Amino acid sequence: MLFQPIITTGDTRYAYASGVIRAKETRLLRKADFYKLAEIPTDELGKAFEEAGYYLKNSENPSIEDYEAGLADAERETLNLIDELLPNSRLPFCLKAKYDFTNAAYLLKCQISGEKPKDAGIVHIGNLSATRLRRLFTAGEKEKIPVEFIHSIEQAKQEYEATKNPATIDITLDKEYLSLLKNCLEGNRFIKEYIGLKSDLLNIKNFVRTRLLKLPYGFFKTVFVPFGKLALNYFDELSDKQEEAIPTKLSVSYLGRRLGDELARAINEKEFLDFDVLCEAYELLFLDNTKFCPFGLEIVYAYWEKITLEITTIRRIILARLSGLPEERIRRIIPYGYL
């Protein structure tokens, strides 16, 4: 078994919220639903999208913008529901912060390149409004911006200045977001272990990205996320090894040979989409542990992760269909049933 079940006694404070979420979980899409989106004729894609539970303003001849608006609405509605269910919890803030960091990465890249930010590049779901964020980057106005968030942006700027590589902005802010998530939610064992898994997967990706971008190992050490089972010395031992040694060592870790083999293929072909999809399948497998929990914060959190993974998968399928990719290739970007 890849992950041992996490047995929890439950937290009765979340009994009502858990009941609402359990009902919502029955509507999550299954493998067959994703395959239907991948296989149905393109002119029926909009109908299938709506049958999957998503809204289209223009259902007759939807554009990519119409699909994206429907997916964004679903994210927003889910966050609003969690807000209502958990009015005194830090969880809604932490979940929205993901979009604050995404927007910060986009605006920082625009600032560096001199490109004018486009509204389409902003996700209007986070804790910080687009207007406030724009003012931070254009005029340096820090009013009502959390100190921790400003620190994260400054850290990303410093790493970019040291490397002059825009990819370091995403790498740094990914770490900063996981750090915030861990600090907010580490009191819950399930969420703590899930963040640990995400940290290990992120560190593996960042270690390989650092090597491929020819960045010094010292850069990886600055963005290493210390919340997983794979400690820094695990990567220290690989710092002077050939790239082929990375998958070999990963195969004998708790993450297993399947992930190691897929990483070997990704490194060889310089194509990481399938590896990323397999990482998502690992996350889904871990999230399935909530079936052992009668009620608790972890049920609400896991549902959010599941719905965002569902939306990510639908977005990939829609983009692939509208780009004319073959069905066989599209099936490979569906993590459900991957393991």
C-alpha atoms as a PDB file:
ATOM      1  CA  MET A   1       0.000   0.000   0.000  1.00  0.00           C
ATOM      2  CA  LEU A   2       1.451   3.361  -1.022  1.00  0.00           C
ATOM      3  CA  PHE A   3      -0.062   5.348   1.866  1.00  0.00           C
ATOM      4  CA  GLN A   4      -1.130   3.874   5.192  1.00  0.00           C
ATOM      5  CA  PRO A   5      -4.687   4.920   6.151  1.00  0.00           C
ATOM      6  CA  ILE A   6      -4.806   7.800   8.627  1.00  0.00           C
ATOM      7  CA  ILE A   7      -7.408   6.800  11.187  1.00  0.00           C
ATOM      8  CA  THR A   8      -8.911   9.789  12.976  1.00  0.00           C
ATOM      9  CA  THR A   9     -11.490   9.967  15.731  1.00  0.00           C
ATOM     10  CA  GLY A  10     -13.123  13.021  14.199  1.00  0.00           C
ATOM     11  CA  ASP A  11     -13.874  16.493  15.564  1.00  0.00           C
ATOM     12  CA  THR A  12     -17.511  17.061  16.449  1.00  0.00           C
ATOM     13  CA  ARG A  13     -17.142  20.819  15.897  1.00  0.00           C
ATOM     14  CA  TYR A  14     -17.200  20.054  12.176  1.00  0.00           C
ATOM     15  CA  ALA A  15     -20.080  17.552  12.192  1.00  0.00           C
ATOM     16  CA  TYR A  16     -22.510  19.781  10.275  1.00  0.00           C
ATOM     17  CA  ALA A  17     -19.895  20.998   7.793  1.00  0.00           C
ATOM     18  CA  SER A  18     -18.776  17.416   7.199  1.00  0.00           C
ATOM     19  CA  GLY A  19     -22.352  16.325   6.493  1.00  0.00           C
ATOM     20  CA  VAL A  20     -22.796  19.056   3.887  1.00  0.00           C
ATOM     21  CA  ILE A  21     -19.469  18.195   2.240  1.00  0.00           C
ATOM     22  CA  ARG A  22     -20.223  14.446   2.196  1.00  0.00           C
ATOM     23  CA  ALA A  23     -23.319  15.231   0.136  1.00  0.00           C
ATOM     24  CA  LYS A  24     -21.232  17.417  -2.207  1.00  0.00           C
ATOM     25  CA  GLU A  25     -18.651  14.640  -2.643  1.00  0.00           C
ATOM     26  CA  THR A  26     -21.237  12.445  -4.363  1.00  0.00           C
ATOM     27  CA  ARG A  27     -21.301  14.962  -7.226  1.00  0.00           C
ATOM     28  CA  LEU A  28     -17.568  14.911  -7.867  1.00  0.00           C
ATOM     29  CA  LEU A  29     -16.726  13.622 -11.334  1.00  0.00           C
ATOM     30  CA  ARG A  30     -15.471  10.082 -11.835  1.00  0.00           C
ATOM     31  CA  LYS A  31     -13.057   8.623 -14.366  1.00  0.00           C
ATOM     32  CA  ALA A  32     -15.878   7.884 -16.831  1.00  0.00           C
ATOM     33  CA  ASP A  33     -17.048  11.520 -16.676  1.00  0.00           C
ATOM     34  CA  PHE A  34     -13.610  12.806 -17.658  1.00  0.00           C
ATOM     35  CA  TYR A  35     -13.362  10.259 -20.464  1.00  0.00           C
ATOM     36  CA  LYS A  36     -16.719  11.455 -21.766  1.00  0.00           C
ATOM     37  CA  LEU A  37     -15.341  15.023 -21.951  1.00  0.00           C
ATOM     38  CA  ALA A  38     -12.295  13.658 -23.753  1.00  0.00           C
ATOM     39  CA  GLU A  39     -14.255  11.600 -26.306  1.00  0.00           C
ATOM     40  CA  ILE A  40     -17.507  13.439 -27.043  1.00  0.00           C
ATOM     41  CA  PRO A  41     -17.724  15.323 -30.396  1.00  0.00           C
ATOM     42  CA  THR A  42     -16.422  18.868 -30.055  1.00  0.00           C
ATOM     43  CA  ASP A  43     -19.771  20.425 -30.948  1.00  0.00           C
ATOM     44  CA  GLU A  44     -21.317  18.610 -27.946  1.00  0.00           C
ATOM     45  CA  LEU A  45     -18.546  19.582 -25.520  1.00  0.00           C
ATOM     46  CA  GLY A  46     -20.484  22.516 -24.072  1.00  0.00           C
ATOM     47  CA  LYS A  47     -23.448  20.287 -23.271  1.00  0.00           C
ATOM     48  CA  ALA A  48     -21.204  17.713 -21.575  1.00  0.00           C
ATOM     49  CA  PHE A  49     -19.559  20.501 -19.587  1.00  0.00           C
ATOM     50  CA  GLU A  50     -22.957  21.598 -18.258  1.00  0.00           C
ATOM     51  CA  GLU A  51     -24.022  18.002 -17.562  1.00  0.00           C
ATOM     52  CA  ALA A  52     -20.879  17.713 -15.434  1.00  0.00           C
ATOM     53  CA  GLY A  53     -22.326  20.433 -13.196  1.00  0.00           C
ATOM     54  CA  TYR A  54     -20.612  23.537 -14.575  1.00  0.00           C
ATOM     55  CA  TYR A  55     -22.273  26.692 -15.862  1.00  0.00           C
ATOM     56  CA  LEU A  56     -21.840  28.204 -19.325  1.00  0.00           C
ATOM     57  CA  LYS A  57     -23.093  31.687 -20.089  1.00  0.00           C
ATOM     58  CA  ASN A  58     -22.910  30.953 -23.805  1.00  0.00           C
ATOM     59  CA  SER A  59     -23.838  27.300 -24.213  1.00  0.00           C
ATOM     60  CA  GLU A  60     -24.498  27.401 -27.966  1.00  0.00           C
ATOM     61  CA  ASN A  61     -20.992  28.120 -29.168  1.00  0.00           C
ATOM     62  CA  PRO A  62     -18.759  28.473 -26.080  1.00  0.00           C
ATOM     63  CA  SER A  63     -15.277  29.931 -26.335  1.00  0.00           C
ATOM     64  CA  ILE A  64     -12.340  29.102 -24.081  1.00  0.00           C
ATOM     65  CA  GLU A  65     -13.197  32.265 -22.117  1.00  0.00           C
ATOM     66  CA  ASP A  66     -16.733  30.920 -21.513  1.00  0.00           C
ATOM     67  CA  TYR A  67     -15.396  27.631 -20.192  1.00  0.00           C
ATOM     68  CA  GLU A  68     -12.848  29.427 -18.005  1.00  0.00           C
ATOM     69  CA  ALA A  69     -15.559  31.659 -16.540  1.00  0.00           C
ATOM     70  CA  GLY A  70     -17.618  28.571 -15.653  1.00  0.00           C
ATOM     71  CA  LEU A  71     -14.661  26.938 -13.914  1.00  0.00           C
ATOM     72  CA  ALA A  72     -13.842  30.141 -12.011  1.00  0.00           C
ATOM     73  CA  ASP A  73     -17.481  30.377 -10.881  1.00  0.00           C
ATOM     74  CA  ALA A  74     -17.253  26.832  -9.484  1.00  0.00           C
ATOM     75  CA  GLU A  75     -14.118  27.697  -7.510  1.00  0.00           C
ATOM     76  CA  ARG A  76     -15.714  30.866  -6.183  1.00  0.00           C
ATOM     77  CA  GLU A  77     -18.928  29.065  -5.177  1.00  0.00           C
ATOM     78  CA  THR A  78     -16.970  26.361  -3.354  1.00  0.00           C
ATOM     79  CA  LEU A  79     -14.975  28.951  -1.422  1.00  0.00           C
ATOM     80  CA  ASN A  80     -18.186  30.799  -0.518  1.00  0.00           C
ATOM     81  CA  LEU A  81     -19.659  27.529   0.773  1.00  0.00           C
ATOM     82  CA  ILE A  82     -16.584  26.843   2.922  1.00  0.00           C
ATOM     83  CA  ASP A  83     -16.775  30.429   4.217  1.00  0.00           C
ATOM     84  CA  GLU A  84     -20.369  29.799   5.310  1.00  0.00           C
ATOM     85  CA  LEU A  85     -19.612  26.420   6.868  1.00  0.00           C
ATOM     86  CA  LEU A  86     -16.474  27.574   8.726  1.00  0.00           C
ATOM     87  CA  PRO A  87     -17.008  31.249   9.683  1.00  0.00           C
ATOM     88  CA  ASN A  88     -14.437  31.137  12.514  1.00  0.00           C
ATOM     89  CA  SER A  89     -11.770  29.072  10.779  1.00  0.00           C
ATOM     90  CA  ARG A  90      -8.516  30.130   9.123  1.00  0.00           C
ATOM     91  CA  LEU A  91      -9.098  27.590   6.361  1.00  0.00           C
ATOM     92  CA  PRO A  92     -10.977  29.914   3.930  1.00  0.00           C
ATOM     93  CA  PHE A  93      -8.184  32.510   4.189  1.00  0.00           C
ATOM     94  CA  CYS A  94      -5.525  29.882   3.492  1.00  0.00           C
ATOM     95  CA  LEU A  95      -7.382  28.516   0.469  1.00  0.00           C
ATOM     96  CA  LYS A  96      -7.888  31.981  -1.047  1.00  0.00           C
ATOM     97  CA  ALA A  97      -4.227  32.822  -0.443  1.00  0.00           C
ATOM     98  CA  LYS A  98      -3.324  30.348  -3.200  1.00  0.00           C
ATOM     99  CA  TYR A  99      -4.765  32.826  -5.716  1.00  0.00           C
ATOM    100  CA  ASP A 100      -3.003  35.768  -4.081  1.00  0.00           C
ATOM    101  CA  PHE A 101       0.319  34.021  -4.695  1.00  0.00           C
ATOM    102  CA  THR A 102      -0.680  33.120  -8.272  1.00  0.00           C
ATOM    103  CA  ASN A 103      -1.564  36.761  -8.966  1.00  0.00           C
ATOM    104  CA  ALA A 104       1.639  37.965  -7.321  1.00  0.00           C
ATOM    105  CA  ALA A 105       3.726  35.721  -9.580  1.00  0.00           C
ATOM    106  CA  TYR A 106       1.960  37.075 -12.670  1.00  0.00           C
ATOM    107  CA  LEU A 107       2.248  40.733 -11.657  1.00  0.00           C
ATOM    108  CA  LEU A 108       5.887  40.380 -10.614  1.00  0.00           C
ATOM    109  CA  LYS A 109       6.765  38.867 -13.997  1.00  0.00           C
ATOM    110  CA  CYS A 110       4.942  41.742 -15.718  1.00  0.00           C
ATOM    111  CA  GLN A 111       6.843  44.264 -13.613  1.00  0.00           C
ATOM    112  CA  ILE A 112      10.170  42.661 -14.497  1.00  0.00           C
ATOM    113  CA  SER A 113       9.423  42.384 -18.221  1.00  0.00           C
ATOM    114  CA  GLY A 114       7.785  45.801 -18.495  1.00  0.00           C
ATOM    115  CA  GLU A 115       4.644  44.191 -19.874  1.00  0.00           C
ATOM    116  CA  LYS A 116       1.309  45.775 -18.960  1.00  0.00           C
ATOM    117  CA  PRO A 117      -0.775  43.340 -16.861  1.00  0.00           C
ATOM    118  CA  LYS A 118      -3.944  42.087 -18.522  1.00  0.00           C
ATOM    119  CA  ASP A 119      -7.136  41.506 -16.585  1.00  0.00           C
ATOM    120  CA  ALA A 120      -7.316  37.988 -18.034  1.00  0.00           C
ATOM    121  CA  GLY A 121      -4.072  37.197 -16.221  1.00  0.00           C
ATOM    122  CA  ILE A 122      -5.605  37.983 -12.820  1.00  0.00           C
ATOM    123  CA  VAL A 123      -7.637  35.425 -10.862  1.00  0.00           C
ATOM    124  CA  HIS A 124     -10.388  37.342  -9.046  1.00  0.00           C
ATOM    125  CA  ILE A 125     -10.857  34.923  -6.154  1.00  0.00           C
ATOM    126  CA  GLY A 126      -8.144  35.657  -3.574  1.00  0.00           C
ATOM    127  CA  ASN A 127      -8.085  37.591  -0.309  1.00  0.00           C
ATOM    128  CA  LEU A 128      -6.476  40.622  -1.974  1.00  0.00           C
ATOM    129  CA  SER A 129      -8.321  42.570  -4.658  1.00  0.00           C
ATOM    130  CA  ALA A 130      -6.772  42.993  -8.091  1.00  0.00           C
ATOM    131  CA  THR A 131      -6.728  46.777  -7.583  1.00  0.00           C
ATOM    132  CA  ARG A 132      -4.811  46.526  -4.315  1.00  0.00           C
ATOM    133  CA  LEU A 133      -2.304  44.096  -5.808  1.00  0.00           C
ATOM    134  CA  ARG A 134      -1.756  46.285  -8.871  1.00  0.00           C
ATOM    135  CA  ARG A 135      -1.053  49.270  -6.624  1.00  0.00           C
ATOM    136  CA  LEU A 136       1.472  47.229  -4.686  1.00  0.00           C
ATOM    137  CA  PHE A 137       3.426  46.462  -7.838  1.00  0.00           C
ATOM    138  CA  THR A 138       2.983  49.770  -9.655  1.00  0.00           C
ATOM    139  CA  ALA A 139       3.230  52.276  -6.792  1.00  0.00           C
ATOM    140  CA  GLY A 140       4.587  50.257  -3.892  1.00  0.00           C
ATOM    141  CA  GLU A 141       1.428  50.847  -1.823  1.00  0.00           C
ATOM    142  CA  LYS A 142       1.397  48.321   1.029  1.00  0.00           C
ATOM    143  CA  GLU A 143      -1.779  49.412   2.826  1.00  0.00           C
ATOM    144  CA  LYS A 144      -3.828  46.405   4.039  1.00  0.00           C
ATOM    145  CA  ILE A 145      -1.327  43.955   2.551  1.00  0.00           C
ATOM    146  CA  PRO A 146      -0.258  41.278   5.100  1.00  0.00           C
ATOM    147  CA  VAL A 147       3.379  41.592   6.133  1.00  0.00           C
ATOM    148  CA  GLU A 148       3.945  37.888   5.418  1.00  0.00           C
ATOM    149  CA  PHE A 149       2.710  38.335   1.856  1.00  0.00           C
ATOM    150  CA  ILE A 150       5.020  41.297   1.244  1.00  0.00           C
ATOM    151  CA  HIS A 151       7.920  39.246   2.629  1.00  0.00           C
ATOM    152  CA  SER A 152       7.111  36.422   0.181  1.00  0.00           C
ATOM    153  CA  ILE A 153       7.136  38.817  -2.777  1.00  0.00           C
ATOM    154  CA  GLU A 154      10.427  40.325  -1.652  1.00  0.00           C
ATOM    155  CA  GLN A 155      11.872  36.834  -1.373  1.00  0.00           C
ATOM    156  CA  ALA A 156      10.767  36.028  -4.937  1.00  0.00           C
ATOM    157  CA  LYS A 157      12.321  39.284  -6.172  1.00  0.00           C
ATOM    158  CA  GLN A 158      15.610  38.465  -4.493  1.00  0.00           C
ATOM    159  CA  GLU A 159      15.744  34.989  -5.993  1.00  0.00           C
ATOM    160  CA  TYR A 160      14.996  36.403  -9.436  1.00  0.00           C
ATOM    161  CA  GLU A 161      17.720  39.024  -9.081  1.00  0.00           C
ATOM    162  CA  ALA A 162      20.176  36.296  -8.138  1.00  0.00           C
ATOM    163  CA  THR A 163      19.297  34.061 -11.090  1.00  0.00           C
ATOM    164  CA  LYS A 164      17.684  36.356 -13.690  1.00  0.00           C
ATOM    165  CA  ASN A 165      15.390  33.443 -14.482  1.00  0.00           C
ATOM    166  CA  PRO A 166      11.612  34.112 -14.271  1.00  0.00           C
ATOM    167  CA  ALA A 167      10.974  30.460 -13.340  1.00  0.00           C
ATOM    168  CA  THR A 168      12.521  31.145  -9.941  1.00  0.00           C
ATOM    169  CA  ILE A 169       9.544  33.410  -9.148  1.00  0.00           C
ATOM    170  CA  ASP A 170       7.095  30.494  -9.409  1.00  0.00           C
ATOM    171  CA  ILE A 171       9.443  28.158  -7.534  1.00  0.00           C
ATOM    172  CA  THR A 172       9.890  30.611  -4.662  1.00  0.00           C
ATOM    173  CA  LEU A 173       6.214  31.539  -4.331  1.00  0.00           C
ATOM    174  CA  ASP A 174       5.178  27.867  -4.415  1.00  0.00           C
ATOM    175  CA  LYS A 175       7.375  27.367  -1.352  1.00  0.00           C
ATOM    176  CA  GLU A 176       6.031  30.484   0.344  1.00  0.00           C
ATOM    177  CA  TYR A 177       2.426  29.349  -0.126  1.00  0.00           C
ATOM    178  CA  LEU A 178       3.076  25.895   1.301  1.00  0.00           C
ATOM    179  CA  SER A 179       4.794  27.536   4.267  1.00  0.00           C
ATOM    180  CA  LEU A 180       1.711  29.675   4.914  1.00  0.00           C
ATOM    181  CA  LEU A 181      -0.580  26.653   4.567  1.00  0.00           C
ATOM    182  CA  LYS A 182       1.495  24.631   7.005  1.00  0.00           C
ATOM    183  CA  ASN A 183       1.640  27.428   9.576  1.00  0.00           C
ATOM    184  CA  CYS A 184      -2.139  27.902   9.418  1.00  0.00           C
ATOM    185  CA  LEU A 185      -3.217  24.264   9.470  1.00  0.00           C
ATOM    186  CA  GLU A 186      -0.475  22.138  11.006  1.00  0.00           C
ATOM    187  CA  GLY A 187      -2.637  21.342  14.054  1.00  0.00           C
ATOM    188  CA  ASN A 188      -4.601  18.808  11.987  1.00  0.00           C
ATOM    189  CA  ARG A 189      -2.698  15.538  11.482  1.00  0.00           C
ATOM    190  CA  PHE A 190      -4.277  14.651   8.141  1.00  0.00           C
ATOM    191  CA  ILE A 191      -3.660  18.100   6.648  1.00  0.00           C
ATOM    192  CA  LYS A 192      -0.130  18.165   8.077  1.00  0.00           C
ATOM    193  CA  GLU A 193       0.720  14.855   6.388  1.00  0.00           C
ATOM    194  CA  TYR A 194      -0.899  15.936   3.126  1.00  0.00           C
ATOM    195  CA  ILE A 195       1.183  19.130   3.134  1.00  0.00           C
ATOM    196  CA  GLY A 196       4.187  16.871   3.750  1.00  0.00           C
ATOM    197  CA  LEU A 197       3.365  14.844   0.630  1.00  0.00           C
ATOM    198  CA  LYS A 198       2.874  18.012  -1.426  1.00  0.00           C
ATOM    199  CA  SER A 199       6.195  19.310  -0.078  1.00  0.00           C
ATOM    200  CA  ASP A 200       8.063  16.160  -1.117  1.00  0.00           C
ATOM    201  CA  LEU A 201       6.543  16.235  -4.610  1.00  0.00           C
ATOM    202  CA  LEU A 202       7.304  19.952  -4.955  1.00  0.00           C
ATOM    203  CA  ASN A 203      10.889  19.467  -3.785  1.00  0.00           C
ATOM    204  CA  ILE A 204      11.434  16.675  -6.321  1.00  0.00           C
ATOM    205  CA  LYS A 205      10.085  18.884  -9.114  1.00  0.00           C
ATOM    206  CA  ASN A 206      12.114  21.887  -7.989  1.00  0.00           C
ATOM    207  CA  PHE A 207      15.298  19.842  -7.630  1.00  0.00           C
ATOM    208  CA  VAL A 208      14.958  18.599 -11.209  1.00  0.00           C
ATOM    209  CA  ARG A 209      13.963  22.074 -12.485  1.00  0.00           C
ATOM    210  CA  THR A 210      17.011  23.546 -10.761  1.00  0.00           C
ATOM    211  CA  ARG A 211      19.239  21.057 -12.544  1.00  0.00           C
ATOM    212  CA  LEU A 212      17.614  21.580 -15.944  1.00  0.00           C
ATOM    213  CA  LEU A 213      17.770  25.378 -15.579  1.00  0.00           C
ATOM    214  CA  LYS A 214      21.462  25.004 -14.633  1.00  0.00           C
ATOM    215  CA  LEU A 215      20.924  26.888 -11.401  1.00  0.00           C
ATOM    216  CA  PRO A 216      23.356  26.286  -8.521  1.00  0.00           C
ATOM    217  CA  TYR A 217      22.408  23.736  -5.872  1.00  0.00           C
ATOM    218  CA  GLY A 218      22.469  26.584  -3.382  1.00  0.00           C
ATOM    219  CA  PHE A 219      19.339  27.981  -5.041  1.00  0.00           C
ATOM    220  CA  PHE A 220      17.465  24.746  -4.455  1.00  0.00           C
ATOM    221  CA  LYS A 221      18.454  24.852  -0.782  1.00  0.00           C
ATOM    222  CA  THR A 222      16.855  28.309  -0.452  1.00  0.00           C
ATOM    223  CA  VAL A 223      13.518  27.091  -1.860  1.00  0.00           C
ATOM    224  CA  PHE A 224      13.549  23.660  -0.203  1.00  0.00           C
ATOM    225  CA  VAL A 225      10.278  23.057   1.678  1.00  0.00           C
ATOM    226  CA  PRO A 226      11.131  21.258   4.965  1.00  0.00           C
ATOM    227  CA  PHE A 227       7.709  19.748   5.701  1.00  0.00           C
ATOM    228  CA  GLY A 228       7.957  16.349   4.008  1.00  0.00           C
ATOM    229  CA  LYS A 229       9.557  12.980   4.723  1.00  0.00           C
ATOM    230  CA  LEU A 230      12.442  13.564   2.295  1.00  0.00           C
ATOM    231  CA  ALA A 231      14.901  15.711   4.271  1.00  0.00           C
ATOM    232  CA  LEU A 232      17.425  18.093   2.732  1.00  0.00           C
ATOM    233  CA  ASN A 233      20.241  15.554   3.125  1.00  0.00           C
ATOM    234  CA  TYR A 234      18.255  13.273   0.776  1.00  0.00           C
ATOM    235  CA  PHE A 235      18.872  15.853  -1.965  1.00  0.00           C
ATOM    236  CA  ASP A 236      22.399  16.708  -0.716  1.00  0.00           C
ATOM    237  CA  GLU A 237      23.420  13.190  -1.678  1.00  0.00           C
ATOM    238  CA  LEU A 238      22.182  13.822  -5.239  1.00  0.00           C
ATOM    239  CA  SER A 239      23.676  17.294  -5.680  1.00  0.00           C
ATOM    240  CA  ASP A 240      26.797  16.055  -7.488  1.00  0.00           C
ATOM    241  CA  LYS A 241      25.241  13.032  -9.196  1.00  0.00           C
ATOM    242  CA  GLN A 242      24.117  12.663 -12.808  1.00  0.00           C
ATOM    243  CA  GLU A 243      20.427  13.307 -13.537  1.00  0.00           C
ATOM    244  CA  GLU A 244      19.844   9.579 -14.061  1.00  0.00           C
ATOM    245  CA  ALA A 245      20.554   8.990 -10.359  1.00  0.00           C
ATOM    246  CA  ILE A 246      17.553  11.056  -9.247  1.00  0.00           C
ATOM    247  CA  PRO A 247      14.791   8.615 -10.378  1.00  0.00           C
ATOM    248  CA  THR A 248      16.790   5.639  -9.087  1.00  0.00           C
ATOM    249  CA  LYS A 249      16.941   7.089  -5.587  1.00  0.00           C
ATOM    250  CA  LEU A 250      13.303   8.178  -5.745  1.00  0.00           C
ATOM    251  CA  SER A 251      12.232   4.625  -6.630  1.00  0.00           C
ATOM    252  CA  VAL A 252      13.452   3.293  -3.269  1.00  0.00           C
ATOM    253  CA  SER A 253      11.773   6.077  -1.259  1.00  0.00           C
ATOM    254  CA  TYR A 254       8.292   5.770   0.241  1.00  0.00           C
ATOM    255  CA  LEU A 255       6.932   7.277  -3.008  1.00  0.00           C
ATOM    256  CA  GLY A 256       7.877   4.133  -4.897  1.00  0.00           C
ATOM    257  CA  ARG A 257       9.138   2.868  -8.208  1.00  0.00           C
ATOM    258  CA  ARG A 258       6.143   4.027 -10.274  1.00  0.00           C
ATOM    259  CA  LEU A 259       6.990   7.670  -9.640  1.00  0.00           C
ATOM    260  CA  GLY A 260      10.708   7.019 -10.119  1.00  0.00           C
ATOM    261  CA  ASP A 261      10.144   5.380 -13.506  1.00  0.00           C
ATOM    262  CA  GLU A 262       7.920   8.229 -14.677  1.00  0.00           C
ATOM    263  CA  LEU A 263      10.498  10.789 -13.574  1.00  0.00           C
ATOM    264  CA  ALA A 264      13.202   8.913 -15.491  1.00  0.00           C
ATOM    265  CA  ARG A 265      11.085   9.100 -18.641  1.00  0.00           C
ATOM    266  CA  ALA A 266      10.346  12.796 -18.064  1.00  0.00           C
ATOM    267  CA  ILE A 267      14.020  13.681 -17.628  1.00  0.00           C
ATOM    268  CA  ASN A 268      14.978  11.688 -20.714  1.00  0.00           C
ATOM    269  CA  GLU A 269      12.292  13.280 -22.901  1.00  0.00           C
ATOM    270  CA  LYS A 270      12.354  16.750 -21.226  1.00  0.00           C
ATOM    271  CA  GLU A 271       8.552  16.509 -20.970  1.00  0.00           C
ATOM    272  CA  PHE A 272       7.045  16.623 -17.485  1.00  0.00           C
ATOM    273  CA  LEU A 273       3.278  16.708 -18.027  1.00  0.00           C
ATOM    274  CA  ASP A 274       2.800  12.967 -17.421  1.00  0.00           C
ATOM    275  CA  PHE A 275       4.963  13.177 -14.294  1.00  0.00           C
ATOM    276  CA  ASP A 276       2.867  16.090 -12.995  1.00  0.00           C
ATOM    277  CA  VAL A 277      -0.333  14.140 -13.679  1.00  0.00           C
ATOM    278  CA  LEU A 278       1.024  11.121 -11.786  1.00  0.00           C
ATOM    279  CA  CYS A 279       1.866  13.406  -8.841  1.00  0.00           C
ATOM    280  CA  GLU A 280      -1.765  14.543  -8.867  1.00  0.00           C
ATOM    281  CA  ALA A 281      -2.865  10.895  -8.812  1.00  0.00           C
ATOM    282  CA  TYR A 282      -0.708  10.393  -5.698  1.00  0.00           C
ATOM    283  CA  GLU A 283      -2.433  13.362  -4.074  1.00  0.00           C
ATOM    284  CA  LEU A 284      -5.880  11.999  -4.939  1.00  0.00           C
ATOM    285  CA  LEU A 285      -4.945   8.634  -3.457  1.00  0.00           C
ATOM    286  CA  PHE A 286      -3.879  10.316  -0.226  1.00  0.00           C
ATOM    287  CA  LEU A 287      -7.013  12.475  -0.083  1.00  0.00           C
ATOM    288  CA  ASP A 288      -9.095   9.304  -0.277  1.00  0.00           C
ATOM    289  CA  ASN A 289      -8.031   8.687   3.342  1.00  0.00           C
ATOM    290  CA  THR A 290     -10.841  10.979   4.482  1.00  0.00           C
ATOM    291  CA  LYS A 291     -13.224   8.054   4.014  1.00  0.00           C
ATOM    292  CA  PHE A 292     -11.855   6.797   7.339  1.00  0.00           C
ATOM    293  CA  CYS A 293     -12.826  10.037   9.104  1.00  0.00           C
ATOM    294  CA  PRO A 294     -16.383  10.422  10.495  1.00  0.00           C
ATOM    295  CA  PHE A 295     -16.209  14.219  10.566  1.00  0.00           C
ATOM    296  CA  GLY A 296     -13.562  16.926  10.830  1.00  0.00           C
ATOM    297  CA  LEU A 297     -11.751  19.813   9.202  1.00  0.00           C
ATOM    298  CA  GLU A 298      -9.851  17.378   6.981  1.00  0.00           C
ATOM    299  CA  ILE A 299     -13.068  16.431   5.168  1.00  0.00           C
ATOM    300  CA  VAL A 300     -13.695  20.050   4.169  1.00  0.00           C
ATOM    301  CA  TYR A 301     -10.067  20.615   3.209  1.00  0.00           C
ATOM    302  CA  ALA A 302      -9.848  17.391   1.193  1.00  0.00           C
ATOM    303  CA  TYR A 303     -13.016  18.300  -0.693  1.00  0.00           C
ATOM    304  CA  TRP A 304     -11.466  21.621  -1.695  1.00  0.00           C
ATOM    305  CA  GLU A 305      -8.340  19.876  -2.962  1.00  0.00           C
ATOM    306  CA  LYS A 306     -10.456  17.360  -4.876  1.00  0.00           C
ATOM    307  CA  ILE A 307     -12.619  20.017  -6.526  1.00  0.00           C
ATOM    308  CA  THR A 308      -9.583  22.087  -7.555  1.00  0.00           C
ATOM    309  CA  LEU A 309      -7.942  18.974  -9.034  1.00  0.00           C
ATOM    310  CA  GLU A 310     -11.207  18.241 -10.853  1.00  0.00           C
ATOM    311  CA  ILE A 311     -11.280  21.773 -12.262  1.00  0.00           C
ATOM    312  CA  THR A 312      -7.621  21.560 -13.285  1.00  0.00           C
ATOM    313  CA  THR A 313      -8.311  18.307 -15.138  1.00  0.00           C
ATOM    314  CA  ILE A 314     -11.381  19.730 -16.917  1.00  0.00           C
ATOM    315  CA  ARG A 315      -9.397  22.815 -17.915  1.00  0.00           C
ATOM    316  CA  ARG A 316      -6.690  20.615 -19.436  1.00  0.00           C
ATOM    317  CA  ILE A 317      -9.224  18.532 -21.326  1.00  0.00           C
ATOM    318  CA  ILE A 318     -11.068  21.573 -22.715  1.00  0.00           C
ATOM    319  CA  LEU A 319      -7.827  23.222 -23.847  1.00  0.00           C
ATOM    320  CA  ALA A 320      -6.658  19.954 -25.423  1.00  0.00           C
ATOM    321  CA  ARG A 321      -9.974  19.393 -27.215  1.00  0.00           C
ATOM    322  CA  LEU A 322     -10.113  22.930 -28.594  1.00  0.00           C
ATOM    323  CA  SER A 323      -6.472  22.612 -29.685  1.00  0.00           C
ATOM    324  CA  GLY A 324      -7.270  19.442 -31.604  1.00  0.00           C
ATOM    325  CA  LEU A 325      -5.061  17.053 -29.625  1.00  0.00           C
ATOM    326  CA  PRO A 326      -5.750  13.357 -30.264  1.00  0.00           C
ATOM    327  CA  GLU A 327      -7.962  11.449 -27.825  1.00  0.00           C
ATOM    328  CA  GLU A 328      -5.123   9.103 -26.806  1.00  0.00           C
ATOM    329  CA  ARG A 329      -3.020  12.060 -25.680  1.00  0.00           C
ATOM    330  CA  ILE A 330      -5.929  13.629 -23.813  1.00  0.00           C
ATOM    331  CA  ARG A 331      -6.521  10.417 -21.841  1.00  0.00           C
ATOM    332  CA  ARG A 332      -2.961  10.719 -20.495  1.00  0.00           C
ATOM    333  CA  ILE A 333      -3.744  14.022 -18.773  1.00  0.00           C
ATOM    334  CA  ILE A 334      -6.515  12.520 -16.620  1.00  0.00           C
ATOM    335  CA  PRO A 335      -5.088  11.534 -13.208  1.00  0.00           C
ATOM    336  CA  TYR A 336      -8.230   9.742 -12.019  1.00  0.00           C
ATOM    337  CA  GLY A 337      -7.727   5.984 -12.060  1.00  0.00           C
ATOM    338  CA  TYR A 338      -4.037   6.508 -12.861  1.00  0.00           C
ATOM    339  CA  LEU A 339      -2.884   4.277  -9.994  1.00  0.00           C
END
